[in-house]
Structures are given as C-alpha cells and as structure tokens.
Amino acid sequence: MRLLPWTGVDGKPCYLSSDDPHSPLSRLADDIEAAQLRSAQEVLAGARAVLGDAKAGERAVRFALTRATESLADVLRIAVSRR
C-alpha cells in the first residue's frame, strides 16, 4: 500500500493498492510528490531569506513559517510513503 501525497475530503490518508508503478495514479502521485519537493526547496530558500533579513517584520516571518510548516508536512508525508 502506497500512501498518496493527498488526503480525502474528510482529511484521512489515501492509499494506493497497486503493484504497477507506471499506473496513471502512481504516475500522478509521483508528479505531485516531485512538485511538492520543488516547492519545499523554494519555500526553504524564501524562509532563509526572511530569517536573514533583520528588517523582516512579524508578518513576513509568520508567512514564511506558515509556508515552511506546510512544506515540512508534505515532505514528511513523502518520506513516510517511501519507507
């Protein structure tokens, strides 16, 4: 069973039961995971820039932290799915 990189409408995890890594749903999950990892790299760069800016205000820091926690959740989900 593969943990998919999205949840159902009720917020519960979605799983794929397939031995075919080339099925349309498997490929979609791979594409979404790749996009999430690219996004996490961009969020990390942005968060580092905000943290490195002594003039960054609370709003900028909170925005960066919010995006960073979202990205971390995505990356952890990917890591769990690949165990």
N, C-alpha and C. Protein backbone atom coordinates (compact mmCIF):
# COMPACT_ATOMS: atom_id res chain seq x y z
N MET A 1 0.84 -1.18 0.00
CA MET A 1 0.00 0.00 0.00
C MET A 1 0.89 1.24 0.00
N ARG A 2 0.59 2.14 -0.91
CA ARG A 2 1.34 3.38 -1.01
C ARG A 2 0.51 4.54 -0.45
N LEU A 3 1.12 5.28 0.48
CA LEU A 3 0.49 6.49 0.99
C LEU A 3 0.57 7.56 -0.09
N LEU A 4 -0.56 8.09 -0.48
CA LEU A 4 -0.59 9.10 -1.54
C LEU A 4 -0.33 10.49 -0.96
N PRO A 5 0.15 11.41 -1.79
CA PRO A 5 0.51 12.75 -1.29
C PRO A 5 -0.67 13.70 -1.14
N TRP A 6 -1.85 13.16 -0.92
CA TRP A 6 -3.04 13.98 -0.67
C TRP A 6 -3.94 13.22 0.28
N THR A 7 -4.92 13.92 0.83
CA THR A 7 -5.88 13.29 1.73
C THR A 7 -7.25 13.31 1.08
N GLY A 8 -8.15 12.53 1.66
CA GLY A 8 -9.53 12.53 1.20
C GLY A 8 -10.25 13.77 1.69
N VAL A 9 -11.48 13.96 1.27
CA VAL A 9 -12.25 15.14 1.67
C VAL A 9 -12.42 15.22 3.18
N ASP A 10 -12.38 14.08 3.85
CA ASP A 10 -12.51 14.06 5.30
C ASP A 10 -11.18 14.25 6.02
N GLY A 11 -10.09 14.47 5.26
CA GLY A 11 -8.78 14.68 5.84
C GLY A 11 -8.03 13.40 6.17
N LYS A 12 -8.64 12.26 5.89
CA LYS A 12 -7.99 10.98 6.17
C LYS A 12 -7.00 10.64 5.05
N PRO A 13 -5.97 9.84 5.37
CA PRO A 13 -4.99 9.46 4.36
C PRO A 13 -5.62 8.63 3.23
N CYS A 14 -5.03 8.77 2.06
CA CYS A 14 -5.44 7.97 0.90
C CYS A 14 -4.29 7.02 0.57
N TYR A 15 -4.64 5.81 0.21
CA TYR A 15 -3.65 4.80 -0.13
C TYR A 15 -3.95 4.23 -1.51
N LEU A 16 -2.88 3.80 -2.17
CA LEU A 16 -3.00 3.15 -3.47
C LEU A 16 -2.54 1.71 -3.31
N SER A 17 -3.38 0.80 -3.74
CA SER A 17 -3.04 -0.61 -3.71
C SER A 17 -2.80 -1.06 -5.15
N SER A 18 -1.54 -1.04 -5.54
CA SER A 18 -1.18 -1.43 -6.91
C SER A 18 0.27 -1.86 -6.94
N ASP A 19 0.55 -2.87 -7.73
CA ASP A 19 1.92 -3.32 -7.92
C ASP A 19 2.55 -2.67 -9.15
N ASP A 20 1.77 -1.85 -9.85
CA ASP A 20 2.24 -1.23 -11.08
C ASP A 20 2.70 0.21 -10.83
N PRO A 21 4.02 0.44 -10.76
CA PRO A 21 4.50 1.79 -10.51
C PRO A 21 4.28 2.74 -11.70
N HIS A 22 3.80 2.19 -12.81
CA HIS A 22 3.57 3.02 -14.00
C HIS A 22 2.08 3.25 -14.27
N SER A 23 1.25 2.88 -13.32
CA SER A 23 -0.19 3.12 -13.49
C SER A 23 -0.44 4.63 -13.50
N PRO A 24 -1.54 5.06 -14.10
CA PRO A 24 -1.81 6.50 -14.13
C PRO A 24 -1.83 7.15 -12.74
N LEU A 25 -2.41 6.48 -11.76
CA LEU A 25 -2.46 7.06 -10.42
C LEU A 25 -1.08 7.10 -9.77
N SER A 26 -0.27 6.08 -10.00
CA SER A 26 1.10 6.08 -9.48
C SER A 26 1.91 7.22 -10.09
N ARG A 27 1.77 7.41 -11.39
CA ARG A 27 2.49 8.50 -12.06
C ARG A 27 2.03 9.86 -11.57
N LEU A 28 0.72 10.01 -11.36
CA LEU A 28 0.19 11.27 -10.82
C LEU A 28 0.76 11.54 -9.44
N ALA A 29 0.79 10.52 -8.60
CA ALA A 29 1.35 10.68 -7.25
C ALA A 29 2.83 11.06 -7.33
N ASP A 30 3.58 10.41 -8.23
CA ASP A 30 5.00 10.75 -8.41
C ASP A 30 5.16 12.21 -8.84
N ASP A 31 4.33 12.66 -9.77
CA ASP A 31 4.40 14.04 -10.26
C ASP A 31 4.08 15.04 -9.15
N ILE A 32 3.07 14.73 -8.34
CA ILE A 32 2.70 15.62 -7.25
C ILE A 32 3.80 15.66 -6.19
N GLU A 33 4.36 14.51 -5.87
CA GLU A 33 5.47 14.48 -4.91
C GLU A 33 6.65 15.30 -5.41
N ALA A 34 6.97 15.17 -6.69
CA ALA A 34 8.08 15.95 -7.26
C ALA A 34 7.79 17.45 -7.16
N ALA A 35 6.56 17.85 -7.44
CA ALA A 35 6.19 19.26 -7.34
C ALA A 35 6.26 19.73 -5.88
N GLN A 36 5.85 18.89 -4.95
CA GLN A 36 5.91 19.26 -3.54
C GLN A 36 7.36 19.44 -3.09
N LEU A 37 8.24 18.57 -3.56
CA LEU A 37 9.66 18.69 -3.18
C LEU A 37 10.28 19.95 -3.78
N ARG A 38 9.93 20.27 -5.03
CA ARG A 38 10.43 21.51 -5.65
C ARG A 38 9.92 22.72 -4.87
N SER A 39 8.65 22.69 -4.52
CA SER A 39 8.06 23.79 -3.75
C SER A 39 8.74 23.94 -2.40
N ALA A 40 9.04 22.83 -1.76
CA ALA A 40 9.72 22.87 -0.46
C ALA A 40 11.09 23.53 -0.58
N GLN A 41 11.79 23.26 -1.67
CA GLN A 41 13.10 23.90 -1.89
C GLN A 41 12.93 25.41 -2.00
N GLU A 42 11.92 25.84 -2.72
CA GLU A 42 11.67 27.27 -2.89
C GLU A 42 11.25 27.92 -1.56
N VAL A 43 10.40 27.22 -0.82
CA VAL A 43 9.96 27.75 0.48
C VAL A 43 11.14 27.86 1.43
N LEU A 44 12.00 26.86 1.42
CA LEU A 44 13.18 26.89 2.29
C LEU A 44 14.07 28.09 1.94
N ALA A 45 14.29 28.32 0.68
CA ALA A 45 15.10 29.47 0.26
C ALA A 45 14.45 30.78 0.71
N GLY A 46 13.15 30.88 0.54
CA GLY A 46 12.44 32.08 0.96
C GLY A 46 12.48 32.29 2.46
N ALA A 47 12.29 31.21 3.21
CA ALA A 47 12.32 31.30 4.67
C ALA A 47 13.71 31.72 5.16
N ARG A 48 14.74 31.17 4.53
CA ARG A 48 16.11 31.56 4.90
C ARG A 48 16.34 33.04 4.62
N ALA A 49 15.81 33.51 3.50
CA ALA A 49 15.97 34.93 3.17
C ALA A 49 15.27 35.81 4.19
N VAL A 50 14.07 35.42 4.58
CA VAL A 50 13.33 36.21 5.58
C VAL A 50 14.08 36.20 6.91
N LEU A 51 14.55 35.03 7.32
CA LEU A 51 15.26 34.94 8.60
C LEU A 51 16.58 35.70 8.57
N GLY A 52 17.18 35.81 7.38
CA GLY A 52 18.43 36.54 7.25
C GLY A 52 18.25 38.04 7.15
N ASP A 53 17.02 38.49 7.03
CA ASP A 53 16.72 39.92 6.90
C ASP A 53 16.34 40.48 8.26
N ALA A 54 17.24 41.24 8.85
CA ALA A 54 16.99 41.80 10.18
C ALA A 54 15.80 42.75 10.20
N LYS A 55 15.42 43.25 9.03
CA LYS A 55 14.30 44.20 8.96
C LYS A 55 12.96 43.51 8.68
N ALA A 56 12.97 42.19 8.53
CA ALA A 56 11.73 41.47 8.25
C ALA A 56 10.79 41.61 9.44
N GLY A 57 9.56 41.94 9.14
CA GLY A 57 8.58 42.13 10.21
C GLY A 57 7.91 40.83 10.61
N GLU A 58 7.08 40.94 11.61
CA GLU A 58 6.37 39.77 12.13
C GLU A 58 5.53 39.11 11.04
N ARG A 59 4.88 39.91 10.22
CA ARG A 59 4.01 39.35 9.17
C ARG A 59 4.81 38.48 8.19
N ALA A 60 5.99 38.95 7.79
CA ALA A 60 6.83 38.19 6.87
C ALA A 60 7.33 36.90 7.52
N VAL A 61 7.72 37.00 8.78
CA VAL A 61 8.22 35.81 9.49
C VAL A 61 7.11 34.79 9.67
N ARG A 62 5.92 35.25 10.04
CA ARG A 62 4.79 34.33 10.22
C ARG A 62 4.42 33.67 8.89
N PHE A 63 4.43 34.44 7.80
CA PHE A 63 4.12 33.88 6.48
C PHE A 63 5.15 32.80 6.12
N ALA A 64 6.43 33.12 6.31
CA ALA A 64 7.48 32.16 5.99
C ALA A 64 7.36 30.90 6.83
N LEU A 65 7.06 31.06 8.11
CA LEU A 65 6.91 29.90 9.00
C LEU A 65 5.69 29.07 8.62
N THR A 66 4.61 29.73 8.26
CA THR A 66 3.41 29.00 7.83
C THR A 66 3.70 28.17 6.60
N ARG A 67 4.33 28.78 5.59
CA ARG A 67 4.66 28.04 4.37
C ARG A 67 5.65 26.91 4.67
N ALA A 68 6.61 27.18 5.56
CA ALA A 68 7.61 26.16 5.89
C ALA A 68 6.96 24.96 6.58
N THR A 69 6.01 25.20 7.48
CA THR A 69 5.36 24.07 8.14
C THR A 69 4.51 23.27 7.16
N GLU A 70 3.88 23.95 6.21
CA GLU A 70 3.11 23.23 5.18
C GLU A 70 4.04 22.35 4.35
N SER A 71 5.17 22.91 3.96
CA SER A 71 6.12 22.15 3.15
C SER A 71 6.72 20.99 3.92
N LEU A 72 7.02 21.23 5.20
CA LEU A 72 7.56 20.15 6.02
C LEU A 72 6.55 19.01 6.13
N ALA A 73 5.29 19.32 6.28
CA ALA A 73 4.26 18.28 6.35
C ALA A 73 4.24 17.47 5.05
N ASP A 74 4.34 18.15 3.91
CA ASP A 74 4.36 17.45 2.62
C ASP A 74 5.59 16.54 2.51
N VAL A 75 6.75 17.06 2.88
CA VAL A 75 7.99 16.29 2.78
C VAL A 75 7.97 15.09 3.72
N LEU A 76 7.45 15.27 4.93
CA LEU A 76 7.34 14.14 5.86
C LEU A 76 6.39 13.07 5.32
N ARG A 77 5.31 13.49 4.71
CA ARG A 77 4.36 12.54 4.12
C ARG A 77 5.04 11.73 3.02
N ILE A 78 5.83 12.40 2.20
CA ILE A 78 6.57 11.71 1.15
C ILE A 78 7.56 10.72 1.76
N ALA A 79 8.27 11.15 2.78
CA ALA A 79 9.24 10.26 3.44
C ALA A 79 8.56 9.02 4.02
N VAL A 80 7.42 9.21 4.66
CA VAL A 80 6.67 8.07 5.22
C VAL A 80 6.21 7.15 4.11
N SER A 81 5.77 7.71 3.01
CA SER A 81 5.26 6.88 1.92
C SER A 81 6.36 6.06 1.25
N ARG A 82 7.61 6.50 1.38
CA ARG A 82 8.73 5.81 0.72
C ARG A 82 9.46 4.84 1.63
N ARG A 83 8.99 4.69 2.87
CA ARG A 83 9.66 3.74 3.80
C ARG A 83 9.53 2.35 3.30
